[in-house]
Amino acid sequence: MIGQAQCGSCHIIPGVIFADGLAGPPLRGLASRTMIAGVMANTPDNLVAWLRAPQAAVPGNAMPDMGLSEQQARDAAAYLETLR
């Protein structure tokens, strides 16, 4: 799912082929971080909300709304939560 959504065009994501983008922060260790985008506690529900609508969370930030469905965001969040 992460590969299909082209998250790797902006982020380095371990375990995802061609995920070597430099526009956004590397996602290695995301599960160990306490905050998402410096404004939200790093919880599974907040990560899903961030992935679905980052502009609603922090208007004007660099991450575009990708149009992910609830299930797509949950699947992506589940993978990202394994990155310790």
PDB file of N, CA and C in Angstrom:
ATOM      1  N   MET A   1       0.822  -1.188   0.000  1.00  0.00           N
ATOM      2  CA  MET A   1       0.000   0.000   0.000  1.00  0.00           C
ATOM      3  C   MET A   1       0.870   1.258   0.000  1.00  0.00           C
ATOM      4  N   ILE A   2       1.890   1.279   0.832  1.00  0.00           N
ATOM      5  CA  ILE A   2       2.771   2.442   0.917  1.00  0.00           C
ATOM      6  C   ILE A   2       3.459   2.685  -0.421  1.00  0.00           C
ATOM      7  N   GLY A   3       3.850   1.602  -1.074  1.00  0.00           N
ATOM      8  CA  GLY A   3       4.474   1.726  -2.389  1.00  0.00           C
ATOM      9  C   GLY A   3       3.507   2.260  -3.427  1.00  0.00           C
ATOM     10  N   GLN A   4       2.270   1.793  -3.400  1.00  0.00           N
ATOM     11  CA  GLN A   4       1.263   2.235  -4.358  1.00  0.00           C
ATOM     12  C   GLN A   4       0.909   3.703  -4.173  1.00  0.00           C
ATOM     13  N   ALA A   5       0.904   4.163  -2.939  1.00  0.00           N
ATOM     14  CA  ALA A   5       0.570   5.566  -2.650  1.00  0.00           C
ATOM     15  C   ALA A   5       1.748   6.489  -2.930  1.00  0.00           C
ATOM     16  N   GLN A   6       2.894   5.907  -3.291  1.00  0.00           N
ATOM     17  CA  GLN A   6       4.105   6.651  -3.625  1.00  0.00           C
ATOM     18  C   GLN A   6       4.645   7.489  -2.467  1.00  0.00           C
ATOM     19  N   CYS A   7       4.469   6.978  -1.264  1.00  0.00           N
ATOM     20  CA  CYS A   7       5.003   7.664  -0.085  1.00  0.00           C
ATOM     21  C   CYS A   7       6.524   7.817  -0.175  1.00  0.00           C
ATOM     22  N   GLY A   8       7.159   6.837  -0.822  1.00  0.00           N
ATOM     23  CA  GLY A   8       8.604   6.854  -0.956  1.00  0.00           C
ATOM     24  C   GLY A   8       9.147   7.893  -1.908  1.00  0.00           C
ATOM     25  N   SER A   9       8.265   8.578  -2.630  1.00  0.00           N
ATOM     26  CA  SER A   9       8.766   9.660  -3.475  1.00  0.00           C
ATOM     27  C   SER A   9       9.186  10.851  -2.616  1.00  0.00           C
ATOM     28  N   CYS A  10       8.699  10.919  -1.387  1.00  0.00           N
ATOM     29  CA  CYS A  10       9.074  12.004  -0.475  1.00  0.00           C
ATOM     30  C   CYS A  10       9.828  11.519   0.762  1.00  0.00           C
ATOM     31  N   HIS A  11       9.678  10.238   1.110  1.00  0.00           N
ATOM     32  CA  HIS A  11      10.260   9.717   2.351  1.00  0.00           C
ATOM     33  C   HIS A  11      11.169   8.529   2.086  1.00  0.00           C
ATOM     34  N   ILE A  12      12.194   8.381   2.920  1.00  0.00           N
ATOM     35  CA  ILE A  12      12.955   7.143   2.991  1.00  0.00           C
ATOM     36  C   ILE A  12      12.176   6.239   3.936  1.00  0.00           C
ATOM     37  N   ILE A  13      11.801   5.047   3.420  1.00  0.00           N
ATOM     38  CA  ILE A  13      11.009   4.124   4.224  1.00  0.00           C
ATOM     39  C   ILE A  13      11.665   2.749   4.159  1.00  0.00           C
ATOM     40  N   PRO A  14      12.227   2.295   5.265  1.00  0.00           N
ATOM     41  CA  PRO A  14      12.870   0.976   5.261  1.00  0.00           C
ATOM     42  C   PRO A  14      11.886  -0.112   4.840  1.00  0.00           C
ATOM     43  N   GLY A  15      12.388  -1.020   3.994  1.00  0.00           N
ATOM     44  CA  GLY A  15      11.581  -2.146   3.574  1.00  0.00           C
ATOM     45  C   GLY A  15      10.663  -1.879   2.399  1.00  0.00           C
ATOM     46  N   VAL A  16      10.654  -0.657   1.889  1.00  0.00           N
ATOM     47  CA  VAL A  16       9.799  -0.312   0.757  1.00  0.00           C
ATOM     48  C   VAL A  16      10.699   0.010  -0.429  1.00  0.00           C
ATOM     49  N   ILE A  17      10.524  -0.717  -1.511  1.00  0.00           N
ATOM     50  CA  ILE A  17      11.348  -0.541  -2.709  1.00  0.00           C
ATOM     51  C   ILE A  17      11.163   0.866  -3.282  1.00  0.00           C
ATOM     52  N   PHE A  18      12.248   1.483  -3.646  1.00  0.00           N
ATOM     53  CA  PHE A  18      12.294   2.826  -4.241  1.00  0.00           C
ATOM     54  C   PHE A  18      11.799   3.922  -3.298  1.00  0.00           C
ATOM     55  N   ALA A  19      11.712   3.642  -2.008  1.00  0.00           N
ATOM     56  CA  ALA A  19      11.302   4.666  -1.042  1.00  0.00           C
ATOM     57  C   ALA A  19      12.549   5.388  -0.558  1.00  0.00           C
ATOM     58  N   ASP A  20      13.004   6.324  -1.408  1.00  0.00           N
ATOM     59  CA  ASP A  20      14.256   7.018  -1.111  1.00  0.00           C
ATOM     60  C   ASP A  20      14.136   8.528  -1.289  1.00  0.00           C
ATOM     61  N   GLY A  21      12.928   9.037  -1.121  1.00  0.00           N
ATOM     62  CA  GLY A  21      12.699  10.467  -1.280  1.00  0.00           C
ATOM     63  C   GLY A  21      13.322  11.284  -0.172  1.00  0.00           C
ATOM     64  N   LEU A  22      13.643  12.511  -0.503  1.00  0.00           N
ATOM     65  CA  LEU A  22      14.301  13.393   0.469  1.00  0.00           C
ATOM     66  C   LEU A  22      13.490  14.637   0.807  1.00  0.00           C
ATOM     67  N   ALA A  23      12.280  14.761   0.280  1.00  0.00           N
ATOM     68  CA  ALA A  23      11.468  15.953   0.556  1.00  0.00           C
ATOM     69  C   ALA A  23      10.895  15.934   1.970  1.00  0.00           C
ATOM     70  N   GLY A  24      10.545  14.750   2.450  1.00  0.00           N
ATOM     71  CA  GLY A  24       9.998  14.610   3.802  1.00  0.00           C
ATOM     72  C   GLY A  24      11.000  13.909   4.697  1.00  0.00           C
ATOM     73  N   PRO A  25      10.712  13.825   5.981  1.00  0.00           N
ATOM     74  CA  PRO A  25      11.662  13.177   6.890  1.00  0.00           C
ATOM     75  C   PRO A  25      11.727  11.670   6.655  1.00  0.00           C
ATOM     76  N   PRO A  26      12.885  11.069   6.927  1.00  0.00           N
ATOM     77  CA  PRO A  26      12.983   9.611   6.858  1.00  0.00           C
ATOM     78  C   PRO A  26      12.040   9.007   7.908  1.00  0.00           C
ATOM     79  N   LEU A  27      11.411   7.897   7.568  1.00  0.00           N
ATOM     80  CA  LEU A  27      10.437   7.308   8.489  1.00  0.00           C
ATOM     81  C   LEU A  27      11.014   6.169   9.320  1.00  0.00           C
ATOM     82  N   ARG A  28      12.305   5.919   9.177  1.00  0.00           N
ATOM     83  CA  ARG A  28      12.983   4.939  10.026  1.00  0.00           C
ATOM     84  C   ARG A  28      12.790   5.353  11.488  1.00  0.00           C
ATOM     85  N   GLY A  29      12.364   4.426  12.307  1.00  0.00           N
ATOM     86  CA  GLY A  29      12.203   4.714  13.731  1.00  0.00           C
ATOM     87  C   GLY A  29      10.925   5.456  14.085  1.00  0.00           C
ATOM     88  N   LEU A  30      10.008   5.569  13.146  1.00  0.00           N
ATOM     89  CA  LEU A  30       8.780   6.336  13.408  1.00  0.00           C
ATOM     90  C   LEU A  30       8.040   5.834  14.642  1.00  0.00           C
ATOM     91  N   ALA A  31       7.978   4.524  14.820  1.00  0.00           N
ATOM     92  CA  ALA A  31       7.230   3.971  15.951  1.00  0.00           C
ATOM     93  C   ALA A  31       7.832   4.359  17.297  1.00  0.00           C
ATOM     94  N   SER A  32       9.102   4.724  17.313  1.00  0.00           N
ATOM     95  CA  SER A  32       9.760   5.116  18.558  1.00  0.00           C
ATOM     96  C   SER A  32       9.621   6.605  18.870  1.00  0.00           C
ATOM     97  N   ARG A  33       9.101   7.364  17.930  1.00  0.00           N
ATOM     98  CA  ARG A  33       8.964   8.811  18.139  1.00  0.00           C
ATOM     99  C   ARG A  33       7.733   9.106  18.979  1.00  0.00           C
ATOM    100  N   THR A  34       7.800  10.154  19.748  1.00  0.00           N
ATOM    101  CA  THR A  34       6.673  10.511  20.615  1.00  0.00           C
ATOM    102  C   THR A  34       5.659  11.412  19.928  1.00  0.00           C
ATOM    103  N   MET A  35       6.095  12.101  18.868  1.00  0.00           N
ATOM    104  CA  MET A  35       5.214  13.056  18.206  1.00  0.00           C
ATOM    105  C   MET A  35       5.163  12.809  16.701  1.00  0.00           C
ATOM    106  N   ILE A  36       4.041  13.193  16.108  1.00  0.00           N
ATOM    107  CA  ILE A  36       3.865  13.189  14.658  1.00  0.00           C
ATOM    108  C   ILE A  36       3.857  14.649  14.228  1.00  0.00           C
ATOM    109  N   ALA A  37       4.744  15.013  13.338  1.00  0.00           N
ATOM    110  CA  ALA A  37       4.851  16.378  12.806  1.00  0.00           C
ATOM    111  C   ALA A  37       5.052  17.416  13.906  1.00  0.00           C
ATOM    112  N   GLY A  38       5.512  16.971  15.041  1.00  0.00           N
ATOM    113  CA  GLY A  38       5.786  17.895  16.141  1.00  0.00           C
ATOM    114  C   GLY A  38       4.558  18.465  16.822  1.00  0.00           C
ATOM    115  N   VAL A  39       3.367  17.967  16.466  1.00  0.00           N
ATOM    116  CA  VAL A  39       2.149  18.554  17.043  1.00  0.00           C
ATOM    117  C   VAL A  39       1.142  17.544  17.571  1.00  0.00           C
ATOM    118  N   MET A  40       1.300  16.265  17.211  1.00  0.00           N
ATOM    119  CA  MET A  40       0.329  15.244  17.619  1.00  0.00           C
ATOM    120  C   MET A  40       1.068  14.105  18.317  1.00  0.00           C
ATOM    121  N   ALA A  41       0.499  13.617  19.405  1.00  0.00           N
ATOM    122  CA  ALA A  41       1.079  12.444  20.051  1.00  0.00           C
ATOM    123  C   ALA A  41       1.078  11.290  19.055  1.00  0.00           C
ATOM    124  N   ASN A  42       2.147  10.514  19.054  1.00  0.00           N
ATOM    125  CA  ASN A  42       2.268   9.399  18.132  1.00  0.00           C
ATOM    126  C   ASN A  42       1.484   8.201  18.671  1.00  0.00           C
ATOM    127  N   THR A  43       0.194   8.170  18.335  1.00  0.00           N
ATOM    128  CA  THR A  43      -0.681   7.055  18.674  1.00  0.00           C
ATOM    129  C   THR A  43      -1.195   6.461  17.360  1.00  0.00           C
ATOM    130  N   PRO A  44      -1.659   5.217  17.384  1.00  0.00           N
ATOM    131  CA  PRO A  44      -2.189   4.633  16.149  1.00  0.00           C
ATOM    132  C   PRO A  44      -3.314   5.466  15.524  1.00  0.00           C
ATOM    133  N   ASP A  45      -4.256   5.942  16.325  1.00  0.00           N
ATOM    134  CA  ASP A  45      -5.360   6.733  15.779  1.00  0.00           C
ATOM    135  C   ASP A  45      -4.881   8.062  15.210  1.00  0.00           C
ATOM    136  N   ASN A  46      -3.943   8.714  15.895  1.00  0.00           N
ATOM    137  CA  ASN A  46      -3.422   9.981  15.377  1.00  0.00           C
ATOM    138  C   ASN A  46      -2.630   9.776  14.093  1.00  0.00           C
ATOM    139  N   LEU A  47      -1.905   8.668  14.012  1.00  0.00           N
ATOM    140  CA  LEU A  47      -1.148   8.399  12.792  1.00  0.00           C
ATOM    141  C   LEU A  47      -2.108   8.190  11.613  1.00  0.00           C
ATOM    142  N   VAL A  48      -3.179   7.466  11.841  1.00  0.00           N
ATOM    143  CA  VAL A  48      -4.185   7.276  10.785  1.00  0.00           C
ATOM    144  C   VAL A  48      -4.776   8.621  10.384  1.00  0.00           C
ATOM    145  N   ALA A  49      -5.126   9.443  11.369  1.00  0.00           N
ATOM    146  CA  ALA A  49      -5.694  10.769  11.063  1.00  0.00           C
ATOM    147  C   ALA A  49      -4.703  11.606  10.266  1.00  0.00           C
ATOM    148  N   TRP A  50      -3.436  11.579  10.648  1.00  0.00           N
ATOM    149  CA  TRP A  50      -2.396  12.324   9.942  1.00  0.00           C
ATOM    150  C   TRP A  50      -2.267  11.841   8.502  1.00  0.00           C
ATOM    151  N   LEU A  51      -2.231  10.527   8.313  1.00  0.00           N
ATOM    152  CA  LEU A  51      -2.085   9.980   6.970  1.00  0.00           C
ATOM    153  C   LEU A  51      -3.284  10.302   6.086  1.00  0.00           C
ATOM    154  N   ARG A  52      -4.452  10.356   6.669  1.00  0.00           N
ATOM    155  CA  ARG A  52      -5.652  10.652   5.886  1.00  0.00           C
ATOM    156  C   ARG A  52      -5.773  12.124   5.550  1.00  0.00           C
ATOM    157  N   ALA A  53      -5.396  13.006   6.477  1.00  0.00           N
ATOM    158  CA  ALA A  53      -5.623  14.443   6.256  1.00  0.00           C
ATOM    159  C   ALA A  53      -4.564  15.285   6.958  1.00  0.00           C
ATOM    160  N   PRO A  54      -3.315  15.237   6.473  1.00  0.00           N
ATOM    161  CA  PRO A  54      -2.270  16.015   7.129  1.00  0.00           C
ATOM    162  C   PRO A  54      -2.531  17.525   7.082  1.00  0.00           C
ATOM    163  N   GLN A  55      -3.211  17.997   6.064  1.00  0.00           N
ATOM    164  CA  GLN A  55      -3.488  19.435   5.979  1.00  0.00           C
ATOM    165  C   GLN A  55      -4.526  19.877   7.014  1.00  0.00           C
ATOM    166  N   ALA A  56      -5.389  18.975   7.438  1.00  0.00           N
ATOM    167  CA  ALA A  56      -6.351  19.303   8.496  1.00  0.00           C
ATOM    168  C   ALA A  56      -5.636  19.404   9.839  1.00  0.00           C
ATOM    169  N   ALA A  57      -4.604  18.582  10.021  1.00  0.00           N
ATOM    170  CA  ALA A  57      -3.863  18.591  11.281  1.00  0.00           C
ATOM    171  C   ALA A  57      -2.959  19.812  11.397  1.00  0.00           C
ATOM    172  N   VAL A  58      -2.247  20.109  10.328  1.00  0.00           N
ATOM    173  CA  VAL A  58      -1.317  21.239  10.309  1.00  0.00           C
ATOM    174  C   VAL A  58      -1.459  21.932   8.951  1.00  0.00           C
ATOM    175  N   PRO A  59      -2.387  22.871   8.850  1.00  0.00           N
ATOM    176  CA  PRO A  59      -2.590  23.536   7.550  1.00  0.00           C
ATOM    177  C   PRO A  59      -1.293  24.168   7.022  1.00  0.00           C
ATOM    178  N   GLY A  60      -1.048  23.942   5.738  1.00  0.00           N
ATOM    179  CA  GLY A  60       0.117  24.526   5.107  1.00  0.00           C
ATOM    180  C   GLY A  60       1.391  23.724   5.235  1.00  0.00           C
ATOM    181  N   ASN A  61       1.344  22.571   5.916  1.00  0.00           N
ATOM    182  CA  ASN A  61       2.570  21.772   6.017  1.00  0.00           C
ATOM    183  C   ASN A  61       2.894  21.176   4.651  1.00  0.00           C
ATOM    184  N   ALA A  62       4.069  20.608   4.505  1.00  0.00           N
ATOM    185  CA  ALA A  62       4.538  20.152   3.196  1.00  0.00           C
ATOM    186  C   ALA A  62       3.902  18.850   2.720  1.00  0.00           C
ATOM    187  N   MET A  63       3.270  18.098   3.621  1.00  0.00           N
ATOM    188  CA  MET A  63       2.691  16.821   3.200  1.00  0.00           C
ATOM    189  C   MET A  63       1.298  17.034   2.614  1.00  0.00           C
ATOM    190  N   PRO A  64       1.110  16.606   1.371  1.00  0.00           N
ATOM    191  CA  PRO A  64      -0.201  16.788   0.744  1.00  0.00           C
ATOM    192  C   PRO A  64      -1.200  15.755   1.238  1.00  0.00           C
ATOM    193  N   ASP A  65      -2.471  16.087   1.168  1.00  0.00           N
ATOM    194  CA  ASP A  65      -3.512  15.093   1.400  1.00  0.00           C
ATOM    195  C   ASP A  65      -3.445  14.110   0.237  1.00  0.00           C
ATOM    196  N   MET A  66      -3.276  12.843   0.534  1.00  0.00           N
ATOM    197  CA  MET A  66      -3.077  11.827  -0.498  1.00  0.00           C
ATOM    198  C   MET A  66      -4.369  11.110  -0.894  1.00  0.00           C
ATOM    199  N   GLY A  67      -5.470  11.422  -0.245  1.00  0.00           N
ATOM    200  CA  GLY A  67      -6.739  10.786  -0.593  1.00  0.00           C
ATOM    201  C   GLY A  67      -6.823   9.339  -0.151  1.00  0.00           C
ATOM    202  N   LEU A  68      -6.123   8.982   0.920  1.00  0.00           N
ATOM    203  CA  LEU A  68      -6.160   7.609   1.405  1.00  0.00           C
ATOM    204  C   LEU A  68      -7.505   7.298   2.055  1.00  0.00           C
ATOM    205  N   SER A  69      -7.994   6.105   1.822  1.00  0.00           N
ATOM    206  CA  SER A  69      -9.195   5.648   2.515  1.00  0.00           C
ATOM    207  C   SER A  69      -8.831   5.330   3.964  1.00  0.00           C
ATOM    208  N   GLU A  70      -9.822   5.129   4.787  1.00  0.00           N
ATOM    209  CA  GLU A  70      -9.583   4.743   6.186  1.00  0.00           C
ATOM    210  C   GLU A  70      -8.747   3.463   6.226  1.00  0.00           C
ATOM    211  N   GLN A  71      -9.113   2.470   5.430  1.00  0.00           N
ATOM    212  CA  GLN A  71      -8.385   1.199   5.452  1.00  0.00           C
ATOM    213  C   GLN A  71      -6.965   1.352   4.931  1.00  0.00           C
ATOM    214  N   GLN A  72      -6.770   2.118   3.887  1.00  0.00           N
ATOM    215  CA  GLN A  72      -5.416   2.346   3.375  1.00  0.00           C
ATOM    216  C   GLN A  72      -4.553   3.025   4.432  1.00  0.00           C
ATOM    217  N   ALA A  73      -5.102   4.009   5.119  1.00  0.00           N
ATOM    218  CA  ALA A  73      -4.350   4.709   6.168  1.00  0.00           C
ATOM    219  C   ALA A  73      -4.050   3.764   7.326  1.00  0.00           C
ATOM    220  N   ARG A  74      -4.994   2.908   7.685  1.00  0.00           N
ATOM    221  CA  ARG A  74      -4.761   1.941   8.764  1.00  0.00           C
ATOM    222  C   ARG A  74      -3.663   0.940   8.359  1.00  0.00           C
ATOM    223  N   ASP A  75      -3.701   0.499   7.115  1.00  0.00           N
ATOM    224  CA  ASP A  75      -2.670  -0.431   6.644  1.00  0.00           C
ATOM    225  C   ASP A  75      -1.291   0.227   6.657  1.00  0.00           C
ATOM    226  N   ALA A  76      -1.213   1.459   6.171  1.00  0.00           N
ATOM    227  CA  ALA A  76       0.063   2.187   6.171  1.00  0.00           C
ATOM    228  C   ALA A  76       0.543   2.419   7.599  1.00  0.00           C
ATOM    229  N   ALA A  77      -0.361   2.823   8.474  1.00  0.00           N
ATOM    230  CA  ALA A  77      -0.001   3.065   9.875  1.00  0.00           C
ATOM    231  C   ALA A  77       0.499   1.781  10.536  1.00  0.00           C
ATOM    232  N   ALA A  78      -0.150   0.662  10.243  1.00  0.00           N
ATOM    233  CA  ALA A  78       0.276  -0.616  10.831  1.00  0.00           C
ATOM    234  C   ALA A  78       1.713  -0.933  10.431  1.00  0.00           C
ATOM    235  N   TYR A  79       2.067  -0.690   9.176  1.00  0.00           N
ATOM    236  CA  TYR A  79       3.439  -0.922   8.747  1.00  0.00           C
ATOM    237  C   TYR A  79       4.386   0.064   9.430  1.00  0.00           C
ATOM    238  N   LEU A  80       4.033   1.332   9.409  1.00  0.00           N
ATOM    239  CA  LEU A  80       4.910   2.357   9.989  1.00  0.00           C
ATOM    240  C   LEU A  80       5.132   2.119  11.485  1.00  0.00           C
ATOM    241  N   GLU A  81       4.149   1.536  12.148  1.00  0.00           N
ATOM    242  CA  GLU A  81       4.287   1.250  13.581  1.00  0.00           C
ATOM    243  C   GLU A  81       5.269   0.118  13.857  1.00  0.00           C
ATOM    244  N   THR A  82       5.711  -0.593  12.807  1.00  0.00           N
ATOM    245  CA  THR A  82       6.734  -1.624  12.999  1.00  0.00           C
ATOM    246  C   THR A  82       8.139  -1.043  12.904  1.00  0.00           C
ATOM    247  N   LEU A  83       8.265   0.198  12.473  1.00  0.00           N
ATOM    248  CA  LEU A  83       9.575   0.813  12.247  1.00  0.00           C
ATOM    249  C   LEU A  83      10.112   1.421  13.534  1.00  0.00           C
ATOM    250  N   ARG A  84      10.858   0.639  14.255  1.00  0.00           N
ATOM    251  CA  ARG A  84      11.401   1.067  15.555  1.00  0.00           C
ATOM    252  C   ARG A  84      12.854   1.441  15.443  1.00  0.00           C
TER     253      ARG A  84
END
